[in-house]
Amino acid sequence: MVIRSFIRVNHKIRVPEVRLTGADGALIGVVQTRDALRMAQEQELDLVEISPNAKPPVCKIMDYGKYRYNQGRKVREQRKHQHQTVVKEIKYRPGVEQHDYETKLNHVRDFLEKGNKVKLTLTFRGRENAHRELGEAVLERVMKDCADIAVVDMEPKRMGRMVTAMLGVKPNKG
């Protein structure tokens, strides 16, 4: 629930009578606004307008500061439990050596296991452009080696001197 800033509290309630709910949740009934305000002040609480569009508007006696604090806590808690997908990028070259390939492959697998997407980028320079099939074979090999935990979100695509592909986490079955 989002904290609404247009809630009317105490003297900002401008209607002559309201349907009042007590601090314990019990329905008190339709009373004059000034009487409802007096009841709230006697309990050292606030009169808060809950439903302004009702006839008459519904108000509740509560500690408004505590209510806003609890609403903020709920919002922060929800935000903490959200997981945003992050795209990590691993760059390769066509002539990558075996050890470098394995190290980068381990990074790709770590990122996928943590739930991130991985963008594979292969860059060609100079004469490497003449043998693009060697570079594309590197990307195909990475995708094949990660096939047990990854699904291909975007097939390898040529963009100028680069070839890019995107891997996502394989959805769990069951």
C-alpha atoms as a PDB file:
ATOM      1  CA  MET A   1       0.000   0.000   0.000  1.00  0.00           C
ATOM      2  CA  VAL A   2       1.338   3.417  -0.953  1.00  0.00           C
ATOM      3  CA  ILE A   3       1.338   6.229   1.568  1.00  0.00           C
ATOM      4  CA  ARG A   4      -1.164   8.769   0.309  1.00  0.00           C
ATOM      5  CA  SER A   5      -0.337  12.384   1.025  1.00  0.00           C
ATOM      6  CA  PHE A   6      -3.917  13.631   0.458  1.00  0.00           C
ATOM      7  CA  ILE A   7      -5.382  11.983   3.577  1.00  0.00           C
ATOM      8  CA  ARG A   8      -7.166  14.574   5.694  1.00  0.00           C
ATOM      9  CA  VAL A   9      -6.305  14.578   9.391  1.00  0.00           C
ATOM     10  CA  ASN A  10      -7.868  16.352  12.397  1.00  0.00           C
ATOM     11  CA  HIS A  11      -8.868  19.965  11.601  1.00  0.00           C
ATOM     12  CA  LYS A  12      -8.448  19.495   7.840  1.00  0.00           C
ATOM     13  CA  ILE A  13     -11.660  17.438   7.756  1.00  0.00           C
ATOM     14  CA  ARG A  14     -14.232  20.005   6.563  1.00  0.00           C
ATOM     15  CA  VAL A  15     -17.541  18.054   6.540  1.00  0.00           C
ATOM     16  CA  PRO A  16     -20.252  18.618   9.190  1.00  0.00           C
ATOM     17  CA  GLU A  17     -20.651  14.948  10.179  1.00  0.00           C
ATOM     18  CA  VAL A  18     -18.700  11.701   9.753  1.00  0.00           C
ATOM     19  CA  ARG A  19     -19.182   7.972  10.220  1.00  0.00           C
ATOM     20  CA  LEU A  20     -16.741   7.239  13.040  1.00  0.00           C
ATOM     21  CA  THR A  21     -14.740   4.109  13.850  1.00  0.00           C
ATOM     22  CA  GLY A  22     -12.994   3.895  17.209  1.00  0.00           C
ATOM     23  CA  ALA A  23      -9.325   3.176  17.863  1.00  0.00           C
ATOM     24  CA  ASP A  24     -10.186  -0.479  18.624  1.00  0.00           C
ATOM     25  CA  GLY A  25     -12.036  -0.860  15.288  1.00  0.00           C
ATOM     26  CA  ALA A  26     -15.541  -0.695  16.754  1.00  0.00           C
ATOM     27  CA  LEU A  27     -18.100   1.295  14.768  1.00  0.00           C
ATOM     28  CA  ILE A  28     -19.285   4.278  16.827  1.00  0.00           C
ATOM     29  CA  GLY A  29     -21.755   5.650  14.262  1.00  0.00           C
ATOM     30  CA  VAL A  30     -22.547   8.964  12.580  1.00  0.00           C
ATOM     31  CA  VAL A  31     -21.395  11.883  14.749  1.00  0.00           C
ATOM     32  CA  GLN A  32     -20.635  15.581  14.332  1.00  0.00           C
ATOM     33  CA  THR A  33     -17.062  16.227  13.183  1.00  0.00           C
ATOM     34  CA  ARG A  34     -16.301  18.459  16.170  1.00  0.00           C
ATOM     35  CA  ASP A  35     -17.464  15.695  18.551  1.00  0.00           C
ATOM     36  CA  ALA A  36     -15.310  13.126  16.729  1.00  0.00           C
ATOM     37  CA  LEU A  37     -12.339  15.471  16.983  1.00  0.00           C
ATOM     38  CA  ARG A  38     -12.953  15.953  20.703  1.00  0.00           C
ATOM     39  CA  MET A  39     -13.110  12.132  21.213  1.00  0.00           C
ATOM     40  CA  ALA A  40      -9.796  11.711  19.369  1.00  0.00           C
ATOM     41  CA  GLN A  41      -8.123  14.462  21.419  1.00  0.00           C
ATOM     42  CA  GLU A  42      -9.354  12.909  24.676  1.00  0.00           C
ATOM     43  CA  GLN A  43      -7.611   9.650  23.677  1.00  0.00           C
ATOM     44  CA  GLU A  44      -4.524  11.646  22.524  1.00  0.00           C
ATOM     45  CA  LEU A  45      -4.949  10.263  19.004  1.00  0.00           C
ATOM     46  CA  ASP A  46      -5.780  11.680  15.563  1.00  0.00           C
ATOM     47  CA  LEU A  47      -9.002  11.742  13.571  1.00  0.00           C
ATOM     48  CA  VAL A  48      -8.130  10.382  10.117  1.00  0.00           C
ATOM     49  CA  GLU A  49     -10.429  10.447   7.080  1.00  0.00           C
ATOM     50  CA  ILE A  50     -10.359   6.923   5.617  1.00  0.00           C
ATOM     51  CA  SER A  51     -12.999   7.107   2.875  1.00  0.00           C
ATOM     52  CA  PRO A  52     -13.681  10.700   1.765  1.00  0.00           C
ATOM     53  CA  ASN A  53     -16.132   9.753  -1.037  1.00  0.00           C
ATOM     54  CA  ALA A  54     -18.629   7.928   1.196  1.00  0.00           C
ATOM     55  CA  LYS A  55     -21.812   9.650   2.420  1.00  0.00           C
ATOM     56  CA  PRO A  56     -21.019  10.635   5.169  1.00  0.00           C
ATOM     57  CA  PRO A  57     -17.194  10.262   4.964  1.00  0.00           C
ATOM     58  CA  VAL A  58     -15.690   7.483   7.084  1.00  0.00           C
ATOM     59  CA  CYS A  59     -13.158   8.539   9.720  1.00  0.00           C
ATOM     60  CA  LYS A  60     -11.135   6.552  12.212  1.00  0.00           C
ATOM     61  CA  ILE A  61      -9.480   7.432  15.487  1.00  0.00           C
ATOM     62  CA  MET A  62      -5.829   6.332  15.280  1.00  0.00           C
ATOM     63  CA  ASP A  63      -2.237   7.383  15.833  1.00  0.00           C
ATOM     64  CA  TYR A  64      -1.533   8.862  12.397  1.00  0.00           C
ATOM     65  CA  GLY A  65       2.244   9.103  12.887  1.00  0.00           C
ATOM     66  CA  LYS A  66       2.440   5.416  13.807  1.00  0.00           C
ATOM     67  CA  TYR A  67       0.188   4.536  10.820  1.00  0.00           C
ATOM     68  CA  ARG A  68       2.461   6.399   8.376  1.00  0.00           C
ATOM     69  CA  TYR A  69       5.559   4.807   9.922  1.00  0.00           C
ATOM     70  CA  ASN A  70       4.101   1.299   9.542  1.00  0.00           C
ATOM     71  CA  GLN A  71       3.053   1.994   5.941  1.00  0.00           C
ATOM     72  CA  GLY A  72       6.589   3.154   5.119  1.00  0.00           C
ATOM     73  CA  ARG A  73       8.017   0.013   6.716  1.00  0.00           C
ATOM     74  CA  LYS A  74       5.740  -2.184   4.605  1.00  0.00           C
ATOM     75  CA  VAL A  75       6.822  -0.398   1.425  1.00  0.00           C
ATOM     76  CA  ARG A  76      10.512  -0.763   2.312  1.00  0.00           C
ATOM     77  CA  GLU A  77      10.016  -4.453   3.158  1.00  0.00           C
ATOM     78  CA  GLN A  78       8.329  -5.090  -0.191  1.00  0.00           C
ATOM     79  CA  ARG A  79      11.121  -3.286  -2.006  1.00  0.00           C
ATOM     80  CA  LYS A  80      13.726  -5.357  -0.159  1.00  0.00           C
ATOM     81  CA  HIS A  81      12.150  -8.626  -1.297  1.00  0.00           C
ATOM     82  CA  GLN A  82      11.977  -7.609  -4.955  1.00  0.00           C
ATOM     83  CA  HIS A  83      14.627  -9.051  -7.218  1.00  0.00           C
ATOM     84  CA  GLN A  84      15.606  -7.017 -10.226  1.00  0.00           C
ATOM     85  CA  THR A  85      17.180  -8.857 -13.110  1.00  0.00           C
ATOM     86  CA  VAL A  86      20.626  -7.503 -13.855  1.00  0.00           C
ATOM     87  CA  VAL A  87      22.343  -7.919 -17.220  1.00  0.00           C
ATOM     88  CA  LYS A  88      26.016  -8.829 -16.866  1.00  0.00           C
ATOM     89  CA  GLU A  89      28.336  -8.617 -19.859  1.00  0.00           C
ATOM     90  CA  ILE A  90      31.221 -10.940 -20.698  1.00  0.00           C
ATOM     91  CA  LYS A  91      33.520  -9.966 -23.579  1.00  0.00           C
ATOM     92  CA  TYR A  92      35.282 -12.488 -25.756  1.00  0.00           C
ATOM     93  CA  ARG A  93      37.785 -12.319 -28.617  1.00  0.00           C
ATOM     94  CA  PRO A  94      37.958 -14.817 -31.513  1.00  0.00           C
ATOM     95  CA  GLY A  95      41.381 -16.113 -30.502  1.00  0.00           C
ATOM     96  CA  VAL A  96      40.604 -16.659 -26.827  1.00  0.00           C
ATOM     97  CA  GLU A  97      42.896 -19.196 -25.159  1.00  0.00           C
ATOM     98  CA  GLN A  98      41.534 -22.236 -23.325  1.00  0.00           C
ATOM     99  CA  HIS A  99      42.259 -21.026 -19.788  1.00  0.00           C
ATOM    100  CA  ASP A 100      40.741 -17.581 -20.439  1.00  0.00           C
ATOM    101  CA  TYR A 101      37.739 -19.244 -22.038  1.00  0.00           C
ATOM    102  CA  GLU A 102      37.194 -21.482 -18.993  1.00  0.00           C
ATOM    103  CA  THR A 103      37.581 -18.557 -16.567  1.00  0.00           C
ATOM    104  CA  LYS A 104      35.019 -16.478 -18.449  1.00  0.00           C
ATOM    105  CA  LEU A 105      32.727 -19.488 -18.756  1.00  0.00           C
ATOM    106  CA  ASN A 106      32.855 -19.900 -14.954  1.00  0.00           C
ATOM    107  CA  HIS A 107      31.872 -16.229 -14.580  1.00  0.00           C
ATOM    108  CA  VAL A 108      28.964 -16.724 -16.977  1.00  0.00           C
ATOM    109  CA  ARG A 109      27.780 -19.749 -14.998  1.00  0.00           C
ATOM    110  CA  ASP A 110      28.095 -17.845 -11.667  1.00  0.00           C
ATOM    111  CA  PHE A 111      26.034 -14.942 -13.012  1.00  0.00           C
ATOM    112  CA  LEU A 112      23.347 -17.302 -14.317  1.00  0.00           C
ATOM    113  CA  GLU A 113      23.200 -19.212 -11.016  1.00  0.00           C
ATOM    114  CA  LYS A 114      22.624 -15.904  -9.197  1.00  0.00           C
ATOM    115  CA  GLY A 115      19.627 -15.235 -11.465  1.00  0.00           C
ATOM    116  CA  ASN A 116      21.190 -12.618 -13.734  1.00  0.00           C
ATOM    117  CA  LYS A 117      21.063 -12.446 -17.502  1.00  0.00           C
ATOM    118  CA  VAL A 118      24.362 -12.548 -19.378  1.00  0.00           C
ATOM    119  CA  LYS A 119      25.207 -10.636 -22.539  1.00  0.00           C
ATOM    120  CA  LEU A 120      27.982 -12.281 -24.519  1.00  0.00           C
ATOM    121  CA  THR A 121      29.961  -9.844 -26.681  1.00  0.00           C
ATOM    122  CA  LEU A 122      32.545 -10.905 -29.228  1.00  0.00           C
ATOM    123  CA  THR A 123      34.643  -8.148 -30.830  1.00  0.00           C
ATOM    124  CA  PHE A 124      36.629  -8.451 -34.058  1.00  0.00           C
ATOM    125  CA  ARG A 125      39.683  -6.345 -34.912  1.00  0.00           C
ATOM    126  CA  GLY A 126      41.634  -6.001 -38.129  1.00  0.00           C
ATOM    127  CA  ARG A 127      42.141  -9.271 -39.979  1.00  0.00           C
ATOM    128  CA  GLU A 128      39.852 -11.129 -37.564  1.00  0.00           C
ATOM    129  CA  ASN A 129      36.950  -9.753 -39.634  1.00  0.00           C
ATOM    130  CA  ALA A 130      37.973 -12.050 -42.486  1.00  0.00           C
ATOM    131  CA  HIS A 131      37.292 -15.131 -40.316  1.00  0.00           C
ATOM    132  CA  ARG A 132      34.066 -14.322 -38.513  1.00  0.00           C
ATOM    133  CA  GLU A 133      33.140 -18.009 -38.352  1.00  0.00           C
ATOM    134  CA  LEU A 134      35.935 -18.556 -35.787  1.00  0.00           C
ATOM    135  CA  GLY A 135      34.458 -15.946 -33.470  1.00  0.00           C
ATOM    136  CA  GLU A 136      30.907 -17.179 -33.886  1.00  0.00           C
ATOM    137  CA  ALA A 137      32.135 -20.673 -33.048  1.00  0.00           C
ATOM    138  CA  VAL A 138      33.369 -19.309 -29.693  1.00  0.00           C
ATOM    139  CA  LEU A 139      29.890 -17.976 -28.864  1.00  0.00           C
ATOM    140  CA  GLU A 140      28.234 -21.211 -29.984  1.00  0.00           C
ATOM    141  CA  ARG A 141      30.627 -23.125 -27.719  1.00  0.00           C
ATOM    142  CA  VAL A 142      29.762 -20.908 -24.719  1.00  0.00           C
ATOM    143  CA  MET A 143      26.031 -21.379 -25.336  1.00  0.00           C
ATOM    144  CA  LYS A 144      26.491 -25.144 -25.662  1.00  0.00           C
ATOM    145  CA  ASP A 145      28.566 -25.324 -22.444  1.00  0.00           C
ATOM    146  CA  CYS A 146      25.883 -23.383 -20.515  1.00  0.00           C
ATOM    147  CA  ALA A 147      22.896 -25.222 -22.021  1.00  0.00           C
ATOM    148  CA  ASP A 148      22.200 -27.102 -18.765  1.00  0.00           C
ATOM    149  CA  ILE A 149      21.501 -23.897 -16.767  1.00  0.00           C
ATOM    150  CA  ALA A 150      20.773 -21.298 -19.458  1.00  0.00           C
ATOM    151  CA  VAL A 151      18.346 -20.596 -22.233  1.00  0.00           C
ATOM    152  CA  VAL A 152      19.240 -18.418 -25.242  1.00  0.00           C
ATOM    153  CA  ASP A 153      17.230 -15.187 -24.986  1.00  0.00           C
ATOM    154  CA  MET A 154      18.774 -13.645 -28.093  1.00  0.00           C
ATOM    155  CA  GLU A 155      20.514 -15.578 -30.844  1.00  0.00           C
ATOM    156  CA  PRO A 156      23.969 -14.323 -31.911  1.00  0.00           C
ATOM    157  CA  LYS A 157      23.488 -11.128 -33.897  1.00  0.00           C
ATOM    158  CA  ARG A 158      26.077  -9.225 -35.943  1.00  0.00           C
ATOM    159  CA  MET A 159      26.391  -5.502 -35.314  1.00  0.00           C
ATOM    160  CA  GLY A 160      29.320  -3.993 -37.158  1.00  0.00           C
ATOM    161  CA  ARG A 161      32.544  -5.370 -35.649  1.00  0.00           C
ATOM    162  CA  MET A 162      30.694  -7.172 -32.846  1.00  0.00           C
ATOM    163  CA  VAL A 163      28.551 -10.235 -32.414  1.00  0.00           C
ATOM    164  CA  THR A 164      26.258 -10.272 -29.378  1.00  0.00           C
ATOM    165  CA  ALA A 165      24.065 -12.929 -27.793  1.00  0.00           C
ATOM    166  CA  MET A 166      21.967 -12.988 -24.619  1.00  0.00           C
ATOM    167  CA  LEU A 167      21.606 -15.849 -22.150  1.00  0.00           C
ATOM    168  CA  GLY A 168      18.884 -16.076 -19.513  1.00  0.00           C
ATOM    169  CA  VAL A 169      18.261 -18.397 -16.595  1.00  0.00           C
ATOM    170  CA  LYS A 170      16.515 -21.639 -17.489  1.00  0.00           C
ATOM    171  CA  PRO A 171      13.094 -21.723 -15.796  1.00  0.00           C
ATOM    172  CA  ASN A 172      12.655 -24.370 -13.092  1.00  0.00           C
ATOM    173  CA  LYS A 173      10.143 -27.114 -13.804  1.00  0.00           C
ATOM    174  CA  GLY A 174       8.366 -28.125 -10.603  1.00  0.00           C
END
